[in-house]
Amino acid sequence: GQPCILLKMNRIIGYRPGAGVPVSVECKVQKGNES
């Protein structure tokens, strides 16, 4: 009951994400009880 989910960015030719700083991921409850 502790599932893993993988996230990936779409490929864009020539794109350098984050302007020199790695892009990070955060997750939260989108709507409803945050607990």
PDB file of all heavy atoms in Angstrom:
ATOM      1  N   GLY A   1       0.807  -1.219   0.000  1.00  0.00           N
ATOM      2  CA  GLY A   1       0.000   0.000   0.000  1.00  0.00           C
ATOM      3  C   GLY A   1       0.834   1.260   0.000  1.00  0.00           C
ATOM      4  O   GLY A   1       0.363   2.324   0.424  1.00  0.00           O
ATOM      5  N   GLN A   2       2.094   1.140  -0.474  1.00  0.00           N
ATOM      6  CA  GLN A   2       3.003   2.284  -0.552  1.00  0.00           C
ATOM      7  C   GLN A   2       3.524   2.403  -1.982  1.00  0.00           C
ATOM      8  O   GLN A   2       4.695   2.129  -2.262  1.00  0.00           O
ATOM      9  CB  GLN A   2       4.154   2.109   0.428  1.00  0.00           C
ATOM     10  CG  GLN A   2       3.722   2.025   1.879  1.00  0.00           C
ATOM     11  CD  GLN A   2       4.897   1.808   2.821  1.00  0.00           C
ATOM     12  OE1 GLN A   2       5.934   1.274   2.440  1.00  0.00           O
ATOM     13  NE2 GLN A   2       4.742   2.238   4.065  1.00  0.00           N
ATOM     14  N   PRO A   3       2.686   2.818  -2.926  1.00  0.00           N
ATOM     15  CA  PRO A   3       3.036   2.745  -4.348  1.00  0.00           C
ATOM     16  C   PRO A   3       4.102   3.743  -4.782  1.00  0.00           C
ATOM     17  O   PRO A   3       4.186   4.863  -4.274  1.00  0.00           O
ATOM     18  CB  PRO A   3       1.702   3.061  -5.037  1.00  0.00           C
ATOM     19  CG  PRO A   3       0.974   3.927  -4.053  1.00  0.00           C
ATOM     20  CD  PRO A   3       1.342   3.379  -2.708  1.00  0.00           C
ATOM     21  N   CYS A   4       4.908   3.292  -5.726  1.00  0.00           N
ATOM     22  CA  CYS A   4       5.865   4.168  -6.408  1.00  0.00           C
ATOM     23  C   CYS A   4       5.253   4.637  -7.722  1.00  0.00           C
ATOM     24  O   CYS A   4       4.619   3.854  -8.444  1.00  0.00           O
ATOM     25  CB  CYS A   4       7.165   3.423  -6.713  1.00  0.00           C
ATOM     26  SG  CYS A   4       8.189   3.081  -5.257  1.00  0.00           S
ATOM     27  N   ILE A   5       5.462   5.891  -8.039  1.00  0.00           N
ATOM     28  CA  ILE A   5       5.022   6.470  -9.308  1.00  0.00           C
ATOM     29  C   ILE A   5       6.200   7.236  -9.890  1.00  0.00           C
ATOM     30  O   ILE A   5       6.903   7.955  -9.168  1.00  0.00           O
ATOM     31  CB  ILE A   5       3.798   7.390  -9.110  1.00  0.00           C
ATOM     32  CG1 ILE A   5       2.611   6.571  -8.593  1.00  0.00           C
ATOM     33  CG2 ILE A   5       3.433   8.092 -10.410  1.00  0.00           C
ATOM     34  CD1 ILE A   5       1.398   7.393  -8.263  1.00  0.00           C
ATOM     35  N   LEU A   6       6.417   7.068 -11.184  1.00  0.00           N
ATOM     36  CA  LEU A   6       7.542   7.708 -11.860  1.00  0.00           C
ATOM     37  C   LEU A   6       7.072   8.937 -12.614  1.00  0.00           C
ATOM     38  O   LEU A   6       6.009   8.933 -13.243  1.00  0.00           O
ATOM     39  CB  LEU A   6       8.203   6.730 -12.838  1.00  0.00           C
ATOM     40  CG  LEU A   6       8.646   5.387 -12.246  1.00  0.00           C
ATOM     41  CD1 LEU A   6       9.206   4.500 -13.352  1.00  0.00           C
ATOM     42  CD2 LEU A   6       9.677   5.592 -11.154  1.00  0.00           C
ATOM     43  N   LEU A   7       7.872   9.986 -12.550  1.00  0.00           N
ATOM     44  CA  LEU A   7       7.569  11.236 -13.245  1.00  0.00           C
ATOM     45  C   LEU A   7       8.675  11.523 -14.248  1.00  0.00           C
ATOM     46  O   LEU A   7       9.864  11.383 -13.925  1.00  0.00           O
ATOM     47  CB  LEU A   7       7.473  12.378 -12.235  1.00  0.00           C
ATOM     48  CG  LEU A   7       7.052  13.747 -12.787  1.00  0.00           C
ATOM     49  CD1 LEU A   7       5.549  13.776 -13.005  1.00  0.00           C
ATOM     50  CD2 LEU A   7       7.450  14.866 -11.833  1.00  0.00           C
ATOM     51  N   LYS A   8       8.288  11.898 -15.450  1.00  0.00           N
ATOM     52  CA  LYS A   8       9.293  12.294 -16.440  1.00  0.00           C
ATOM     53  C   LYS A   8       8.835  13.533 -17.198  1.00  0.00           C
ATOM     54  O   LYS A   8       7.650  13.750 -17.403  1.00  0.00           O
ATOM     55  CB  LYS A   8       9.597  11.159 -17.419  1.00  0.00           C
ATOM     56  CG  LYS A   8       8.584  10.894 -18.490  1.00  0.00           C
ATOM     57  CD  LYS A   8       9.033   9.757 -19.385  1.00  0.00           C
ATOM     58  CE  LYS A   8       8.188   9.654 -20.642  1.00  0.00           C
ATOM     59  NZ  LYS A   8       8.454  10.743 -21.599  1.00  0.00           N
ATOM     60  N   MET A   9       9.831  14.339 -17.562  1.00  0.00           N
ATOM     61  CA  MET A   9       9.551  15.528 -18.357  1.00  0.00           C
ATOM     62  C   MET A   9       9.476  15.157 -19.834  1.00  0.00           C
ATOM     63  O   MET A   9      10.212  14.285 -20.299  1.00  0.00           O
ATOM     64  CB  MET A   9      10.657  16.571 -18.174  1.00  0.00           C
ATOM     65  CG  MET A   9      10.546  17.407 -16.935  1.00  0.00           C
ATOM     66  SD  MET A   9      11.612  18.882 -17.015  1.00  0.00           S
ATOM     67  CE  MET A   9      13.088  18.267 -16.215  1.00  0.00           C
ATOM     68  N   ASN A  10       8.618  15.829 -20.568  1.00  0.00           N
ATOM     69  CA  ASN A  10       8.579  15.644 -22.009  1.00  0.00           C
ATOM     70  C   ASN A  10       9.886  16.129 -22.638  1.00  0.00           C
ATOM     71  O   ASN A  10      10.487  17.093 -22.168  1.00  0.00           O
ATOM     72  CB  ASN A  10       7.400  16.406 -22.623  1.00  0.00           C
ATOM     73  CG  ASN A  10       6.055  15.855 -22.180  1.00  0.00           C
ATOM     74  OD1 ASN A  10       5.975  14.734 -21.684  1.00  0.00           O
ATOM     75  ND2 ASN A  10       5.007  16.641 -22.359  1.00  0.00           N
ATOM     76  N   ARG A  11      10.293  15.454 -23.692  1.00  0.00           N
ATOM     77  CA  ARG A  11      11.541  15.823 -24.366  1.00  0.00           C
ATOM     78  C   ARG A  11      11.348  17.062 -25.239  1.00  0.00           C
ATOM     79  O   ARG A  11      10.394  17.138 -26.020  1.00  0.00           O
ATOM     80  CB  ARG A  11      12.031  14.670 -25.236  1.00  0.00           C
ATOM     81  CG  ARG A  11      12.360  13.409 -24.454  1.00  0.00           C
ATOM     82  CD  ARG A  11      12.804  12.292 -25.382  1.00  0.00           C
ATOM     83  NE  ARG A  11      13.097  11.075 -24.653  1.00  0.00           N
ATOM     84  CZ  ARG A  11      13.550   9.963 -25.221  1.00  0.00           C
ATOM     85  NH1 ARG A  11      13.746   9.922 -26.534  1.00  0.00           N
ATOM     86  NH2 ARG A  11      13.796   8.884 -24.490  1.00  0.00           N
ATOM     87  N   ILE A  12      12.254  18.006 -25.106  1.00  0.00           N
ATOM     88  CA  ILE A  12      12.240  19.212 -25.931  1.00  0.00           C
ATOM     89  C   ILE A  12      13.658  19.431 -26.445  1.00  0.00           C
ATOM     90  O   ILE A  12      14.597  19.567 -25.651  1.00  0.00           O
ATOM     91  CB  ILE A  12      11.772  20.446 -25.138  1.00  0.00           C
ATOM     92  CG1 ILE A  12      10.362  20.222 -24.571  1.00  0.00           C
ATOM     93  CG2 ILE A  12      11.806  21.693 -26.012  1.00  0.00           C
ATOM     94  CD1 ILE A  12       9.882  21.339 -23.668  1.00  0.00           C
ATOM     95  N   ILE A  13      13.827  19.436 -27.756  1.00  0.00           N
ATOM     96  CA  ILE A  13      15.154  19.575 -28.345  1.00  0.00           C
ATOM     97  C   ILE A  13      15.781  20.906 -27.942  1.00  0.00           C
ATOM     98  O   ILE A  13      15.177  21.969 -28.087  1.00  0.00           O
ATOM     99  CB  ILE A  13      15.080  19.464 -29.885  1.00  0.00           C
ATOM    100  CG1 ILE A  13      14.631  18.050 -30.288  1.00  0.00           C
ATOM    101  CG2 ILE A  13      16.432  19.773 -30.520  1.00  0.00           C
ATOM    102  CD1 ILE A  13      14.448  17.873 -31.781  1.00  0.00           C
ATOM    103  N   GLY A  14      16.997  20.811 -27.398  1.00  0.00           N
ATOM    104  CA  GLY A  14      17.758  22.005 -27.055  1.00  0.00           C
ATOM    105  C   GLY A  14      17.417  22.631 -25.725  1.00  0.00           C
ATOM    106  O   GLY A  14      18.056  23.599 -25.320  1.00  0.00           O
ATOM    107  N   TYR A  15      16.432  22.084 -25.019  1.00  0.00           N
ATOM    108  CA  TYR A  15      15.986  22.711 -23.782  1.00  0.00           C
ATOM    109  C   TYR A  15      16.964  22.445 -22.642  1.00  0.00           C
ATOM    110  O   TYR A  15      17.439  21.321 -22.453  1.00  0.00           O
ATOM    111  CB  TYR A  15      14.598  22.182 -23.410  1.00  0.00           C
ATOM    112  CG  TYR A  15      13.997  22.808 -22.168  1.00  0.00           C
ATOM    113  CD1 TYR A  15      13.769  24.174 -22.101  1.00  0.00           C
ATOM    114  CD2 TYR A  15      13.649  22.025 -21.071  1.00  0.00           C
ATOM    115  CE1 TYR A  15      13.208  24.747 -20.975  1.00  0.00           C
ATOM    116  CE2 TYR A  15      13.086  22.589 -19.936  1.00  0.00           C
ATOM    117  CZ  TYR A  15      12.871  23.960 -19.901  1.00  0.00           C
ATOM    118  OH  TYR A  15      12.320  24.516 -18.786  1.00  0.00           O
ATOM    119  N   ARG A  16      17.268  23.487 -21.866  1.00  0.00           N
ATOM    120  CA  ARG A  16      18.134  23.375 -20.696  1.00  0.00           C
ATOM    121  C   ARG A  16      17.332  23.806 -19.472  1.00  0.00           C
ATOM    122  O   ARG A  16      17.263  24.993 -19.147  1.00  0.00           O
ATOM    123  CB  ARG A  16      19.370  24.255 -20.855  1.00  0.00           C
ATOM    124  CG  ARG A  16      20.188  23.935 -22.111  1.00  0.00           C
ATOM    125  CD  ARG A  16      21.422  24.803 -22.198  1.00  0.00           C
ATOM    126  NE  ARG A  16      22.051  24.709 -23.510  1.00  0.00           N
ATOM    127  CZ  ARG A  16      23.166  25.335 -23.857  1.00  0.00           C
ATOM    128  NH1 ARG A  16      23.779  26.110 -22.963  1.00  0.00           N
ATOM    129  NH2 ARG A  16      23.659  25.203 -25.075  1.00  0.00           N
ATOM    130  N   PRO A  17      16.700  22.861 -18.807  1.00  0.00           N
ATOM    131  CA  PRO A  17      15.794  23.211 -17.700  1.00  0.00           C
ATOM    132  C   PRO A  17      16.516  23.819 -16.521  1.00  0.00           C
ATOM    133  O   PRO A  17      17.660  23.490 -16.215  1.00  0.00           O
ATOM    134  CB  PRO A  17      15.179  21.864 -17.322  1.00  0.00           C
ATOM    135  CG  PRO A  17      16.176  20.853 -17.775  1.00  0.00           C
ATOM    136  CD  PRO A  17      16.809  21.422 -18.999  1.00  0.00           C
ATOM    137  N   GLY A  18      15.832  24.747 -15.879  1.00  0.00           N
ATOM    138  CA  GLY A  18      16.322  25.299 -14.625  1.00  0.00           C
ATOM    139  C   GLY A  18      17.360  26.393 -14.728  1.00  0.00           C
ATOM    140  O   GLY A  18      17.804  26.919 -13.709  1.00  0.00           O
ATOM    141  N   ALA A  19      17.782  26.734 -15.948  1.00  0.00           N
ATOM    142  CA  ALA A  19      18.780  27.798 -16.141  1.00  0.00           C
ATOM    143  C   ALA A  19      20.012  27.589 -15.258  1.00  0.00           C
ATOM    144  O   ALA A  19      20.466  28.498 -14.572  1.00  0.00           O
ATOM    145  CB  ALA A  19      18.153  29.169 -15.883  1.00  0.00           C
ATOM    146  N   GLY A  20      20.523  26.353 -15.242  1.00  0.00           N
ATOM    147  CA  GLY A  20      21.734  26.063 -14.499  1.00  0.00           C
ATOM    148  C   GLY A  20      21.512  25.486 -13.107  1.00  0.00           C
ATOM    149  O   GLY A  20      22.466  25.086 -12.438  1.00  0.00           O
ATOM    150  N   VAL A  21      20.259  25.421 -12.669  1.00  0.00           N
ATOM    151  CA  VAL A  21      19.923  24.843 -11.364  1.00  0.00           C
ATOM    152  C   VAL A  21      18.951  23.692 -11.596  1.00  0.00           C
ATOM    153  O   VAL A  21      17.932  23.871 -12.266  1.00  0.00           O
ATOM    154  CB  VAL A  21      19.283  25.890 -10.425  1.00  0.00           C
ATOM    155  CG1 VAL A  21      18.920  25.258  -9.094  1.00  0.00           C
ATOM    156  CG2 VAL A  21      20.220  27.068 -10.230  1.00  0.00           C
ATOM    157  N   PRO A  22      19.230  22.489 -11.059  1.00  0.00           N
ATOM    158  CA  PRO A  22      18.356  21.340 -11.316  1.00  0.00           C
ATOM    159  C   PRO A  22      16.897  21.608 -10.933  1.00  0.00           C
ATOM    160  O   PRO A  22      16.614  22.226  -9.910  1.00  0.00           O
ATOM    161  CB  PRO A  22      18.954  20.239 -10.431  1.00  0.00           C
ATOM    162  CG  PRO A  22      20.389  20.626 -10.274  1.00  0.00           C
ATOM    163  CD  PRO A  22      20.398  22.126 -10.238  1.00  0.00           C
ATOM    164  N   VAL A  23      15.996  21.130 -11.778  1.00  0.00           N
ATOM    165  CA  VAL A  23      14.567  21.241 -11.516  1.00  0.00           C
ATOM    166  C   VAL A  23      14.167  20.173 -10.500  1.00  0.00           C
ATOM    167  O   VAL A  23      14.584  19.014 -10.598  1.00  0.00           O
ATOM    168  CB  VAL A  23      13.764  21.065 -12.817  1.00  0.00           C
ATOM    169  CG1 VAL A  23      12.266  20.977 -12.529  1.00  0.00           C
ATOM    170  CG2 VAL A  23      14.053  22.221 -13.771  1.00  0.00           C
ATOM    171  N   SER A  24      13.368  20.561  -9.510  1.00  0.00           N
ATOM    172  CA  SER A  24      12.950  19.630  -8.458  1.00  0.00           C
ATOM    173  C   SER A  24      11.457  19.338  -8.570  1.00  0.00           C
ATOM    174  O   SER A  24      10.713  20.009  -9.291  1.00  0.00           O
ATOM    175  CB  SER A  24      13.263  20.212  -7.080  1.00  0.00           C
ATOM    176  OG  SER A  24      12.546  21.419  -6.871  1.00  0.00           O
ATOM    177  N   VAL A  25      11.027  18.314  -7.823  1.00  0.00           N
ATOM    178  CA  VAL A  25       9.630  17.878  -7.836  1.00  0.00           C
ATOM    179  C   VAL A  25       9.072  17.954  -6.425  1.00  0.00           C
ATOM    180  O   VAL A  25       9.755  17.612  -5.451  1.00  0.00           O
ATOM    181  CB  VAL A  25       9.515  16.427  -8.351  1.00  0.00           C
ATOM    182  CG1 VAL A  25       8.061  15.962  -8.324  1.00  0.00           C
ATOM    183  CG2 VAL A  25      10.076  16.318  -9.766  1.00  0.00           C
ATOM    184  N   GLU A  26       7.847  18.414  -6.301  1.00  0.00           N
ATOM    185  CA  GLU A  26       7.141  18.367  -5.025  1.00  0.00           C
ATOM    186  C   GLU A  26       5.719  17.894  -5.250  1.00  0.00           C
ATOM    187  O   GLU A  26       5.138  18.109  -6.323  1.00  0.00           O
ATOM    188  CB  GLU A  26       7.141  19.736  -4.331  1.00  0.00           C
ATOM    189  CG  GLU A  26       6.280  20.783  -5.003  1.00  0.00           C
ATOM    190  CD  GLU A  26       6.150  22.055  -4.152  1.00  0.00           C
ATOM    191  OE1 GLU A  26       6.718  22.086  -3.041  1.00  0.00           O
ATOM    192  OE2 GLU A  26       5.474  22.992  -4.607  1.00  0.00           O
ATOM    193  N   CYS A  27       5.144  17.223  -4.253  1.00  0.00           N
ATOM    194  CA  CYS A  27       3.790  16.695  -4.352  1.00  0.00           C
ATOM    195  C   CYS A  27       2.968  17.138  -3.151  1.00  0.00           C
ATOM    196  O   CYS A  27       3.497  17.263  -2.037  1.00  0.00           O
ATOM    197  CB  CYS A  27       3.810  15.164  -4.425  1.00  0.00           C
ATOM    198  SG  CYS A  27       4.645  14.482  -5.873  1.00  0.00           S
ATOM    199  N   LYS A  28       1.693  17.344  -3.392  1.00  0.00           N
ATOM    200  CA  LYS A  28       0.781  17.728  -2.317  1.00  0.00           C
ATOM    201  C   LYS A  28      -0.633  17.300  -2.694  1.00  0.00           C
ATOM    202  O   LYS A  28      -0.904  16.919  -3.846  1.00  0.00           O
ATOM    203  CB  LYS A  28       0.824  19.238  -2.091  1.00  0.00           C
ATOM    204  CG  LYS A  28       0.375  20.056  -3.296  1.00  0.00           C
ATOM    205  CD  LYS A  28       0.478  21.554  -3.021  1.00  0.00           C
ATOM    206  CE  LYS A  28       0.019  22.368  -4.231  1.00  0.00           C
ATOM    207  NZ  LYS A  28       0.115  23.835  -3.981  1.00  0.00           N
ATOM    208  N   VAL A  29      -1.533  17.346  -1.723  1.00  0.00           N
ATOM    209  CA  VAL A  29      -2.944  17.077  -2.002  1.00  0.00           C
ATOM    210  C   VAL A  29      -3.485  18.210  -2.860  1.00  0.00           C
ATOM    211  O   VAL A  29      -3.364  19.390  -2.500  1.00  0.00           O
ATOM    212  CB  VAL A  29      -3.751  16.945  -0.702  1.00  0.00           C
ATOM    213  CG1 VAL A  29      -5.241  16.827  -0.996  1.00  0.00           C
ATOM    214  CG2 VAL A  29      -3.279  15.728   0.091  1.00  0.00           C
ATOM    215  N   GLN A  30      -4.044  17.862  -3.991  1.00  0.00           N
ATOM    216  CA  GLN A  30      -4.487  18.899  -4.930  1.00  0.00           C
ATOM    217  C   GLN A  30      -5.728  19.633  -4.431  1.00  0.00           C
ATOM    218  O   GLN A  30      -5.870  20.830  -4.597  1.00  0.00           O
ATOM    219  CB  GLN A  30      -4.769  18.250  -6.296  1.00  0.00           C
ATOM    220  CG  GLN A  30      -4.990  19.258  -7.424  1.00  0.00           C
ATOM    221  CD  GLN A  30      -6.459  19.436  -7.762  1.00  0.00           C
ATOM    222  OE1 GLN A  30      -7.288  18.579  -7.436  1.00  0.00           O
ATOM    223  NE2 GLN A  30      -6.787  20.536  -8.408  1.00  0.00           N
ATOM    224  N   LYS A  31      -6.610  18.884  -3.782  1.00  0.00           N
ATOM    225  CA  LYS A  31      -7.836  19.494  -3.261  1.00  0.00           C
ATOM    226  C   LYS A  31      -8.389  18.592  -2.172  1.00  0.00           C
ATOM    227  O   LYS A  31      -8.534  17.384  -2.373  1.00  0.00           O
ATOM    228  CB  LYS A  31      -8.869  19.670  -4.383  1.00  0.00           C
ATOM    229  CG  LYS A  31     -10.114  20.425  -3.973  1.00  0.00           C
ATOM    230  CD  LYS A  31     -11.054  20.585  -5.157  1.00  0.00           C
ATOM    231  CE  LYS A  31     -12.310  21.363  -4.772  1.00  0.00           C
ATOM    232  NZ  LYS A  31     -13.242  21.521  -5.913  1.00  0.00           N
ATOM    233  N   GLY A  32      -8.679  19.162  -1.017  1.00  0.00           N
ATOM    234  CA  GLY A  32      -9.244  18.361   0.057  1.00  0.00           C
ATOM    235  C   GLY A  32      -8.373  18.371   1.296  1.00  0.00           C
ATOM    236  O   GLY A  32      -7.639  19.337   1.555  1.00  0.00           O
ATOM    237  N   ASN A  33      -8.426  17.292   2.039  1.00  0.00           N
ATOM    238  CA  ASN A  33      -7.736  17.183   3.329  1.00  0.00           C
ATOM    239  C   ASN A  33      -6.251  16.917   3.116  1.00  0.00           C
ATOM    240  O   ASN A  33      -5.855  15.846   2.657  1.00  0.00           O
ATOM    241  CB  ASN A  33      -8.369  16.055   4.159  1.00  0.00           C
ATOM    242  CG  ASN A  33      -7.904  16.080   5.598  1.00  0.00           C
ATOM    243  OD1 ASN A  33      -6.826  16.572   5.915  1.00  0.00           O
ATOM    244  ND2 ASN A  33      -8.731  15.541   6.488  1.00  0.00           N
ATOM    245  N   GLU A  34      -5.413  17.880   3.467  1.00  0.00           N
ATOM    246  CA  GLU A  34      -3.975  17.745   3.245  1.00  0.00           C
ATOM    247  C   GLU A  34      -3.351  16.625   4.073  1.00  0.00           C
ATOM    248  O   GLU A  34      -2.309  16.080   3.720  1.00  0.00           O
ATOM    249  CB  GLU A  34      -3.270  19.074   3.552  1.00  0.00           C
ATOM    250  CG  GLU A  34      -3.636  20.194   2.588  1.00  0.00           C
ATOM    251  CD  GLU A  34      -2.869  21.474   2.863  1.00  0.00           C
ATOM    252  OE1 GLU A  34      -2.043  21.474   3.817  1.00  0.00           O
ATOM    253  OE2 GLU A  34      -3.100  22.473   2.148  1.00  0.00           O
ATOM    254  N   SER A  35      -3.986  16.266   5.184  1.00  0.00           N
ATOM    255  CA  SER A  35      -3.443  15.215   6.046  1.00  0.00           C
ATOM    256  C   SER A  35      -3.577  13.827   5.428  1.00  0.00           C
ATOM    257  O   SER A  35      -3.024  12.859   5.950  1.00  0.00           O
ATOM    258  CB  SER A  35      -4.143  15.238   7.409  1.00  0.00           C
ATOM    259  OG  SER A  35      -5.508  14.856   7.285  1.00  0.00           O
TER     260      SER A  35
END
